[in-house]
């Protein structure tokens, strides 16, 4: 089970994608949990789908932080609510 990192100094943003390609990124506050931003991100997704209905739109809330020699990435898919993580 992936857990959200609440202690590291991190950057957080909303990533809007169309057909898997990132088309827009917006920085959001790092205070609180990523799930706190889900209602606003869901609203943004509905607005985008209403204005541009032919696209295959998705939104992820993402955060990144450095740790030793690696960069950690965590994200939540707004539609499914699933939390993912990778280390590069």
PDB file of N, CA and C in Angstrom:
ATOM      1  N   UNK A   1       0.840  -1.184   0.000  1.00  0.00           N
ATOM      2  CA  UNK A   1       0.000   0.000   0.000  1.00  0.00           C
ATOM      3  C   UNK A   1       0.883   1.245   0.000  1.00  0.00           C
ATOM      4  N   UNK A   2       0.578   2.186  -0.855  1.00  0.00           N
ATOM      5  CA  UNK A   2       1.330   3.430  -0.954  1.00  0.00           C
ATOM      6  C   UNK A   2       0.720   4.430   0.006  1.00  0.00           C
ATOM      7  N   UNK A   3       1.580   5.094   0.777  1.00  0.00           N
ATOM      8  CA  UNK A   3       1.111   6.118   1.700  1.00  0.00           C
ATOM      9  C   UNK A   3       1.674   7.460   1.283  1.00  0.00           C
ATOM     10  N   UNK A   4       0.913   8.504   1.522  1.00  0.00           N
ATOM     11  CA  UNK A   4       1.363   9.840   1.169  1.00  0.00           C
ATOM     12  C   UNK A   4       2.431  10.302   2.147  1.00  0.00           C
ATOM     13  N   UNK A   5       3.527  10.866   1.625  1.00  0.00           N
ATOM     14  CA  UNK A   5       4.596  11.404   2.453  1.00  0.00           C
ATOM     15  C   UNK A   5       4.173  12.779   2.944  1.00  0.00           C
ATOM     16  N   UNK A   6       4.085  12.952   4.256  1.00  0.00           N
ATOM     17  CA  UNK A   6       3.628  14.213   4.830  1.00  0.00           C
ATOM     18  C   UNK A   6       4.764  15.029   5.435  1.00  0.00           C
ATOM     19  N   UNK A   7       6.003  14.503   5.470  1.00  0.00           N
ATOM     20  CA  UNK A   7       7.072  15.176   6.197  1.00  0.00           C
ATOM     21  C   UNK A   7       8.120  15.838   5.316  1.00  0.00           C
ATOM     22  N   UNK A   8       8.333  15.371   4.115  1.00  0.00           N
ATOM     23  CA  UNK A   8       9.404  15.892   3.264  1.00  0.00           C
ATOM     24  C   UNK A   8       9.038  17.259   2.689  1.00  0.00           C
ATOM     25  N   UNK A   9      10.079  18.068   2.396  1.00  0.00           N
ATOM     26  CA  UNK A   9       9.871  19.336   1.706  1.00  0.00           C
ATOM     27  C   UNK A   9       9.622  19.014   0.238  1.00  0.00           C
ATOM     28  N   UNK A  10       8.480  19.435  -0.279  1.00  0.00           N
ATOM     29  CA  UNK A  10       8.076  18.977  -1.598  1.00  0.00           C
ATOM     30  C   UNK A  10       7.431  20.088  -2.412  1.00  0.00           C
ATOM     31  N   UNK A  11       7.244  19.807  -3.693  1.00  0.00           N
ATOM     32  CA  UNK A  11       6.485  20.665  -4.597  1.00  0.00           C
ATOM     33  C   UNK A  11       5.236  19.889  -4.995  1.00  0.00           C
ATOM     34  N   UNK A  12       4.128  20.591  -5.147  1.00  0.00           N
ATOM     35  CA  UNK A  12       2.867  19.931  -5.488  1.00  0.00           C
ATOM     36  C   UNK A  12       2.191  20.704  -6.619  1.00  0.00           C
ATOM     37  N   UNK A  13       1.564  19.975  -7.519  1.00  0.00           N
ATOM     38  CA  UNK A  13       0.927  20.608  -8.664  1.00  0.00           C
ATOM     39  C   UNK A  13      -0.181  19.727  -9.228  1.00  0.00           C
ATOM     40  N   UNK A  14      -1.032  20.357 -10.045  1.00  0.00           N
ATOM     41  CA  UNK A  14      -2.078  19.656 -10.780  1.00  0.00           C
ATOM     42  C   UNK A  14      -1.590  19.511 -12.213  1.00  0.00           C
ATOM     43  N   UNK A  15      -1.653  18.309 -12.737  1.00  0.00           N
ATOM     44  CA  UNK A  15      -1.227  18.013 -14.103  1.00  0.00           C
ATOM     45  C   UNK A  15      -2.452  17.637 -14.936  1.00  0.00           C
ATOM     46  N   UNK A  16      -2.739  18.438 -15.961  1.00  0.00           N
ATOM     47  CA  UNK A  16      -3.863  18.178 -16.861  1.00  0.00           C
ATOM     48  C   UNK A  16      -3.310  17.504 -18.109  1.00  0.00           C
ATOM     49  N   UNK A  17      -3.902  16.378 -18.478  1.00  0.00           N
ATOM     50  CA  UNK A  17      -3.425  15.607 -19.628  1.00  0.00           C
ATOM     51  C   UNK A  17      -4.553  15.383 -20.618  1.00  0.00           C
ATOM     52  N   UNK A  18      -4.155  15.342 -21.897  1.00  0.00           N
ATOM     53  CA  UNK A  18      -5.090  15.018 -22.975  1.00  0.00           C
ATOM     54  C   UNK A  18      -4.483  13.871 -23.758  1.00  0.00           C
ATOM     55  N   UNK A  19      -5.127  12.717 -23.701  1.00  0.00           N
ATOM     56  CA  UNK A  19      -4.601  11.541 -24.390  1.00  0.00           C
ATOM     57  C   UNK A  19      -3.257  11.091 -23.849  1.00  0.00           C
ATOM     58  N   UNK A  20      -3.003  11.326 -22.569  1.00  0.00           N
ATOM     59  CA  UNK A  20      -1.754  10.905 -21.944  1.00  0.00           C
ATOM     60  C   UNK A  20      -0.639  11.934 -21.995  1.00  0.00           C
ATOM     61  N   UNK A  21      -0.779  12.984 -22.806  1.00  0.00           N
ATOM     62  CA  UNK A  21       0.250  14.015 -22.909  1.00  0.00           C
ATOM     63  C   UNK A  21      -0.096  15.187 -22.004  1.00  0.00           C
ATOM     64  N   UNK A  22       0.886  15.619 -21.219  1.00  0.00           N
ATOM     65  CA  UNK A  22       0.677  16.729 -20.307  1.00  0.00           C
ATOM     66  C   UNK A  22       0.491  18.016 -21.107  1.00  0.00           C
ATOM     67  N   UNK A  23      -0.619  18.718 -20.858  1.00  0.00           N
ATOM     68  CA  UNK A  23      -0.906  19.946 -21.593  1.00  0.00           C
ATOM     69  C   UNK A  23      -0.902  21.180 -20.705  1.00  0.00           C
ATOM     70  N   UNK A  24      -1.028  21.002 -19.388  1.00  0.00           N
ATOM     71  CA  UNK A  24      -1.097  22.146 -18.483  1.00  0.00           C
ATOM     72  C   UNK A  24      -0.671  21.700 -17.093  1.00  0.00           C
ATOM     73  N   UNK A  25       0.087  22.557 -16.409  1.00  0.00           N
ATOM     74  CA  UNK A  25       0.515  22.284 -15.038  1.00  0.00           C
ATOM     75  C   UNK A  25       0.273  23.541 -14.212  1.00  0.00           C
ATOM     76  N   UNK A  26      -0.271  23.351 -13.017  1.00  0.00           N
ATOM     77  CA  UNK A  26      -0.524  24.475 -12.114  1.00  0.00           C
ATOM     78  C   UNK A  26      -0.040  24.112 -10.718  1.00  0.00           C
ATOM     79  N   UNK A  27       0.805  24.966 -10.141  1.00  0.00           N
ATOM     80  CA  UNK A  27       1.273  24.743  -8.770  1.00  0.00           C
ATOM     81  C   UNK A  27       0.118  24.939  -7.798  1.00  0.00           C
ATOM     82  N   UNK A  28       0.092  24.110  -6.764  1.00  0.00           N
ATOM     83  CA  UNK A  28      -0.922  24.223  -5.721  1.00  0.00           C
ATOM     84  C   UNK A  28      -0.219  24.179  -4.367  1.00  0.00           C
ATOM     85  N   UNK A  29      -0.885  24.612  -3.295  1.00  0.00           N
ATOM     86  CA  UNK A  29      -0.250  24.619  -1.977  1.00  0.00           C
ATOM     87  C   UNK A  29       0.146  23.218  -1.512  1.00  0.00           C
ATOM     88  N   UNK A  30       1.266  23.136  -0.792  1.00  0.00           N
ATOM     89  CA  UNK A  30       1.732  21.846  -0.284  1.00  0.00           C
ATOM     90  C   UNK A  30       1.193  21.553   1.110  1.00  0.00           C
ATOM     91  N   UNK A  31       0.467  22.494   1.698  1.00  0.00           N
ATOM     92  CA  UNK A  31      -0.080  22.252   3.028  1.00  0.00           C
ATOM     93  C   UNK A  31      -1.223  21.247   2.943  1.00  0.00           C
ATOM     94  N   UNK A  32      -1.366  20.456   3.974  1.00  0.00           N
ATOM     95  CA  UNK A  32      -2.427  19.457   4.008  1.00  0.00           C
ATOM     96  C   UNK A  32      -2.095  18.230   3.187  1.00  0.00           C
ATOM     97  N   UNK A  33      -3.115  17.459   2.878  1.00  0.00           N
ATOM     98  CA  UNK A  33      -2.952  16.213   2.122  1.00  0.00           C
ATOM     99  C   UNK A  33      -3.295  16.452   0.654  1.00  0.00           C
ATOM    100  N   UNK A  34      -2.790  15.585  -0.209  1.00  0.00           N
ATOM    101  CA  UNK A  34      -3.123  15.695  -1.632  1.00  0.00           C
ATOM    102  C   UNK A  34      -4.619  15.502  -1.844  1.00  0.00           C
ATOM    103  N   UNK A  35      -5.229  14.611  -1.075  1.00  0.00           N
ATOM    104  CA  UNK A  35      -6.662  14.335  -1.229  1.00  0.00           C
ATOM    105  C   UNK A  35      -7.528  15.565  -0.926  1.00  0.00           C
ATOM    106  N   UNK A  36      -6.991  16.526  -0.181  1.00  0.00           N
ATOM    107  CA  UNK A  36      -7.742  17.750   0.097  1.00  0.00           C
ATOM    108  C   UNK A  36      -8.026  18.537  -1.180  1.00  0.00           C
ATOM    109  N   UNK A  37      -7.226  18.327  -2.218  1.00  0.00           N
ATOM    110  CA  UNK A  37      -7.372  19.057  -3.474  1.00  0.00           C
ATOM    111  C   UNK A  37      -8.254  18.323  -4.489  1.00  0.00           C
ATOM    112  N   UNK A  38      -8.733  17.129  -4.159  1.00  0.00           N
ATOM    113  CA  UNK A  38      -9.553  16.356  -5.099  1.00  0.00           C
ATOM    114  C   UNK A  38     -10.836  17.064  -5.542  1.00  0.00           C
ATOM    115  N   UNK A  39     -11.622  17.670  -4.639  1.00  0.00           N
ATOM    116  CA  UNK A  39     -12.858  18.314  -5.101  1.00  0.00           C
ATOM    117  C   UNK A  39     -12.609  19.415  -6.137  1.00  0.00           C
ATOM    118  N   UNK A  40     -11.599  20.249  -5.915  1.00  0.00           N
ATOM    119  CA  UNK A  40     -11.296  21.321  -6.870  1.00  0.00           C
ATOM    120  C   UNK A  40     -10.798  20.751  -8.191  1.00  0.00           C
ATOM    121  N   UNK A  41      -9.998  19.697  -8.140  1.00  0.00           N
ATOM    122  CA  UNK A  41      -9.482  19.078  -9.367  1.00  0.00           C
ATOM    123  C   UNK A  41     -10.609  18.404 -10.149  1.00  0.00           C
ATOM    124  N   UNK A  42     -11.546  17.765  -9.454  1.00  0.00           N
ATOM    125  CA  UNK A  42     -12.692  17.147 -10.138  1.00  0.00           C
ATOM    126  C   UNK A  42     -13.539  18.207 -10.831  1.00  0.00           C
ATOM    127  N   UNK A  43     -13.735  19.338 -10.167  1.00  0.00           N
ATOM    128  CA  UNK A  43     -14.484  20.439 -10.768  1.00  0.00           C
ATOM    129  C   UNK A  43     -13.758  20.958 -12.007  1.00  0.00           C
ATOM    130  N   UNK A  44     -12.457  21.119 -11.920  1.00  0.00           N
ATOM    131  CA  UNK A  44     -11.666  21.579 -13.066  1.00  0.00           C
ATOM    132  C   UNK A  44     -11.799  20.601 -14.230  1.00  0.00           C
ATOM    133  N   UNK A  45     -11.738  19.291 -13.951  1.00  0.00           N
ATOM    134  CA  UNK A  45     -11.872  18.284 -15.002  1.00  0.00           C
ATOM    135  C   UNK A  45     -13.243  18.369 -15.675  1.00  0.00           C
ATOM    136  N   UNK A  46     -14.302  18.524 -14.888  1.00  0.00           N
ATOM    137  CA  UNK A  46     -15.649  18.656 -15.466  1.00  0.00           C
ATOM    138  C   UNK A  46     -15.751  19.890 -16.362  1.00  0.00           C
ATOM    139  N   UNK A  47     -15.146  21.006 -15.921  1.00  0.00           N
ATOM    140  CA  UNK A  47     -15.178  22.230 -16.724  1.00  0.00           C
ATOM    141  C   UNK A  47     -14.441  22.039 -18.044  1.00  0.00           C
ATOM    142  N   UNK A  48     -13.280  21.398 -18.001  1.00  0.00           N
ATOM    143  CA  UNK A  48     -12.501  21.151 -19.220  1.00  0.00           C
ATOM    144  C   UNK A  48     -13.276  20.243 -20.161  1.00  0.00           C
ATOM    145  N   UNK A  49     -13.872  19.178 -19.630  1.00  0.00           N
ATOM    146  CA  UNK A  49     -14.625  18.241 -20.469  1.00  0.00           C
ATOM    147  C   UNK A  49     -15.864  18.893 -21.079  1.00  0.00           C
ATOM    148  N   UNK A  50     -16.451  19.846 -20.377  1.00  0.00           N
ATOM    149  CA  UNK A  50     -17.630  20.544 -20.904  1.00  0.00           C
ATOM    150  C   UNK A  50     -17.236  21.461 -22.063  1.00  0.00           C
ATOM    151  N   UNK A  51     -16.117  22.166 -21.929  1.00  0.00           N
ATOM    152  CA  UNK A  51     -15.680  23.112 -22.951  1.00  0.00           C
ATOM    153  C   UNK A  51     -15.046  22.405 -24.147  1.00  0.00           C
ATOM    154  N   UNK A  52     -14.295  21.341 -23.884  1.00  0.00           N
ATOM    155  CA  UNK A  52     -13.595  20.599 -24.950  1.00  0.00           C
ATOM    156  C   UNK A  52     -13.945  19.116 -24.849  1.00  0.00           C
ATOM    157  N   UNK A  53     -15.163  18.739 -25.256  1.00  0.00           N
ATOM    158  CA  UNK A  53     -15.646  17.373 -25.026  1.00  0.00           C
ATOM    159  C   UNK A  53     -14.973  16.293 -25.873  1.00  0.00           C
ATOM    160  N   UNK A  54     -14.281  16.642 -26.944  1.00  0.00           N
ATOM    161  CA  UNK A  54     -13.706  15.624 -27.817  1.00  0.00           C
ATOM    162  C   UNK A  54     -12.379  15.071 -27.304  1.00  0.00           C
ATOM    163  N   UNK A  55     -11.761  15.730 -26.360  1.00  0.00           N
ATOM    164  CA  UNK A  55     -10.476  15.261 -25.837  1.00  0.00           C
ATOM    165  C   UNK A  55     -10.644  14.132 -24.834  1.00  0.00           C
ATOM    166  N   UNK A  56      -9.576  13.381 -24.629  1.00  0.00           N
ATOM    167  CA  UNK A  56      -9.542  12.336 -23.595  1.00  0.00           C
ATOM    168  C   UNK A  56      -8.791  12.915 -22.403  1.00  0.00           C
ATOM    169  N   UNK A  57      -9.486  13.701 -21.599  1.00  0.00           N
ATOM    170  CA  UNK A  57      -8.883  14.481 -20.532  1.00  0.00           C
ATOM    171  C   UNK A  57      -8.746  13.683 -19.248  1.00  0.00           C
ATOM    172  N   UNK A  58      -7.667  13.949 -18.533  1.00  0.00           N
ATOM    173  CA  UNK A  58      -7.475  13.394 -17.194  1.00  0.00           C
ATOM    174  C   UNK A  58      -6.670  14.400 -16.382  1.00  0.00           C
ATOM    175  N   UNK A  59      -6.790  14.304 -15.082  1.00  0.00           N
ATOM    176  CA  UNK A  59      -6.054  15.189 -14.174  1.00  0.00           C
ATOM    177  C   UNK A  59      -5.437  14.339 -13.079  1.00  0.00           C
ATOM    178  N   UNK A  60      -4.190  14.665 -12.751  1.00  0.00           N
ATOM    179  CA  UNK A  60      -3.511  14.041 -11.620  1.00  0.00           C
ATOM    180  C   UNK A  60      -3.001  15.133 -10.696  1.00  0.00           C
ATOM    181  N   UNK A  61      -3.118  14.895  -9.408  1.00  0.00           N
ATOM    182  CA  UNK A  61      -2.477  15.740  -8.411  1.00  0.00           C
ATOM    183  C   UNK A  61      -1.149  15.067  -8.111  1.00  0.00           C
ATOM    184  N   UNK A  62      -0.048  15.793  -8.307  1.00  0.00           N
ATOM    185  CA  UNK A  62       1.278  15.203  -8.177  1.00  0.00           C
ATOM    186  C   UNK A  62       2.111  15.989  -7.170  1.00  0.00           C
ATOM    187  N   UNK A  63       3.037  15.287  -6.539  1.00  0.00           N
ATOM    188  CA  UNK A  63       4.021  15.952  -5.689  1.00  0.00           C
ATOM    189  C   UNK A  63       5.365  15.272  -5.884  1.00  0.00           C
ATOM    190  N   UNK A  64       6.424  16.048  -5.694  1.00  0.00           N
ATOM    191  CA  UNK A  64       7.780  15.551  -5.894  1.00  0.00           C
ATOM    192  C   UNK A  64       8.660  16.114  -4.780  1.00  0.00           C
ATOM    193  N   UNK A  65       9.614  15.284  -4.326  1.00  0.00           N
ATOM    194  CA  UNK A  65      10.559  15.742  -3.322  1.00  0.00           C
ATOM    195  C   UNK A  65      11.874  14.974  -3.472  1.00  0.00           C
ATOM    196  N   UNK A  66      12.993  15.655  -3.153  1.00  0.00           N
ATOM    197  CA  UNK A  66      14.294  14.976  -3.200  1.00  0.00           C
ATOM    198  C   UNK A  66      14.548  14.226  -1.896  1.00  0.00           C
ATOM    199  N   UNK A  67      15.217  13.103  -2.010  1.00  0.00           N
ATOM    200  CA  UNK A  67      15.621  12.342  -0.825  1.00  0.00           C
ATOM    201  C   UNK A  67      16.912  11.617  -1.155  1.00  0.00           C
ATOM    202  N   UNK A  68      17.988  12.011  -0.502  1.00  0.00           N
ATOM    203  CA  UNK A  68      19.329  11.484  -0.784  1.00  0.00           C
ATOM    204  C   UNK A  68      19.657  11.704  -2.253  1.00  0.00           C
ATOM    205  N   UNK A  69      19.923  10.656  -3.011  1.00  0.00           N
ATOM    206  CA  UNK A  69      20.298  10.795  -4.421  1.00  0.00           C
ATOM    207  C   UNK A  69      19.137  10.527  -5.373  1.00  0.00           C
ATOM    208  N   UNK A  70      17.926  10.520  -4.885  1.00  0.00           N
ATOM    209  CA  UNK A  70      16.776  10.163  -5.727  1.00  0.00           C
ATOM    210  C   UNK A  70      15.693  11.236  -5.635  1.00  0.00           C
ATOM    211  N   UNK A  71      14.800  11.230  -6.610  1.00  0.00           N
ATOM    212  CA  UNK A  71      13.611  12.081  -6.585  1.00  0.00           C
ATOM    213  C   UNK A  71      12.392  11.166  -6.470  1.00  0.00           C
ATOM    214  N   UNK A  72      11.558  11.484  -5.528  1.00  0.00           N
ATOM    215  CA  UNK A  72      10.342  10.704  -5.288  1.00  0.00           C
ATOM    216  C   UNK A  72       9.151  11.438  -5.897  1.00  0.00           C
ATOM    217  N   UNK A  73       8.302  10.682  -6.551  1.00  0.00           N
ATOM    218  CA  UNK A  73       7.081  11.212  -7.149  1.00  0.00           C
ATOM    219  C   UNK A  73       5.891  10.444  -6.586  1.00  0.00           C
ATOM    220  N   UNK A  74       4.860  11.181  -6.201  1.00  0.00           N
ATOM    221  CA  UNK A  74       3.591  10.571  -5.815  1.00  0.00           C
ATOM    222  C   UNK A  74       2.486  11.283  -6.573  1.00  0.00           C
ATOM    223  N   UNK A  75       1.430  10.558  -6.894  1.00  0.00           N
ATOM    224  CA  UNK A  75       0.315  11.169  -7.599  1.00  0.00           C
ATOM    225  C   UNK A  75      -0.980  10.483  -7.217  1.00  0.00           C
ATOM    226  N   UNK A  76      -2.055  11.237  -7.395  1.00  0.00           N
ATOM    227  CA  UNK A  76      -3.411  10.708  -7.239  1.00  0.00           C
ATOM    228  C   UNK A  76      -4.140  10.977  -8.545  1.00  0.00           C
ATOM    229  N   UNK A  77      -4.709   9.938  -9.122  1.00  0.00           N
ATOM    230  CA  UNK A  77      -5.559  10.097 -10.296  1.00  0.00           C
ATOM    231  C   UNK A  77      -6.905  10.605  -9.801  1.00  0.00           C
ATOM    232  N   UNK A  78      -7.355  11.722 -10.341  1.00  0.00           N
ATOM    233  CA  UNK A  78      -8.572  12.365  -9.854  1.00  0.00           C
ATOM    234  C   UNK A  78      -9.810  11.507 -10.101  1.00  0.00           C
ATOM    235  N   UNK A  79      -9.859  10.798 -11.213  1.00  0.00           N
ATOM    236  CA  UNK A  79     -11.041   9.995 -11.544  1.00  0.00           C
ATOM    237  C   UNK A  79     -11.126   8.751 -10.665  1.00  0.00           C
ATOM    238  N   UNK A  80     -10.028   8.005 -10.546  1.00  0.00           N
ATOM    239  CA  UNK A  80     -10.055   6.748  -9.795  1.00  0.00           C
ATOM    240  C   UNK A  80      -9.749   6.929  -8.314  1.00  0.00           C
ATOM    241  N   UNK A  81      -9.033   7.994  -7.957  1.00  0.00           N
ATOM    242  CA  UNK A  81      -8.638   8.211  -6.573  1.00  0.00           C
ATOM    243  C   UNK A  81      -7.473   7.351  -6.126  1.00  0.00           C
ATOM    244  N   UNK A  82      -6.822   6.649  -7.064  1.00  0.00           N
ATOM    245  CA  UNK A  82      -5.703   5.768  -6.716  1.00  0.00           C
ATOM    246  C   UNK A  82      -4.417   6.563  -6.555  1.00  0.00           C
ATOM    247  N   UNK A  83      -3.652   6.192  -5.533  1.00  0.00           N
ATOM    248  CA  UNK A  83      -2.376   6.823  -5.234  1.00  0.00           C
ATOM    249  C   UNK A  83      -1.257   5.988  -5.829  1.00  0.00           C
ATOM    250  N   UNK A  84      -0.349   6.623  -6.560  1.00  0.00           N
ATOM    251  CA  UNK A  84       0.793   5.930  -7.158  1.00  0.00           C
ATOM    252  C   UNK A  84       2.088   6.581  -6.723  1.00  0.00           C
ATOM    253  N   UNK A  85       3.187   5.868  -6.911  1.00  0.00           N
ATOM    254  CA  UNK A  85       4.489   6.380  -6.476  1.00  0.00           C
ATOM    255  C   UNK A  85       5.586   5.809  -7.361  1.00  0.00           C
ATOM    256  N   UNK A  86       6.621   6.622  -7.604  1.00  0.00           N
ATOM    257  CA  UNK A  86       7.815   6.134  -8.289  1.00  0.00           C
ATOM    258  C   UNK A  86       9.025   6.874  -7.740  1.00  0.00           C
ATOM    259  N   UNK A  87      10.186   6.242  -7.856  1.00  0.00           N
ATOM    260  CA  UNK A  87      11.446   6.823  -7.401  1.00  0.00           C
ATOM    261  C   UNK A  87      12.409   6.793  -8.573  1.00  0.00           C
ATOM    262  N   UNK A  88      12.970   7.949  -8.902  1.00  0.00           N
ATOM    263  CA  UNK A  88      13.926   8.038 -10.005  1.00  0.00           C
ATOM    264  C   UNK A  88      15.265   8.530  -9.504  1.00  0.00           C
TER     265      UNK A  88
END
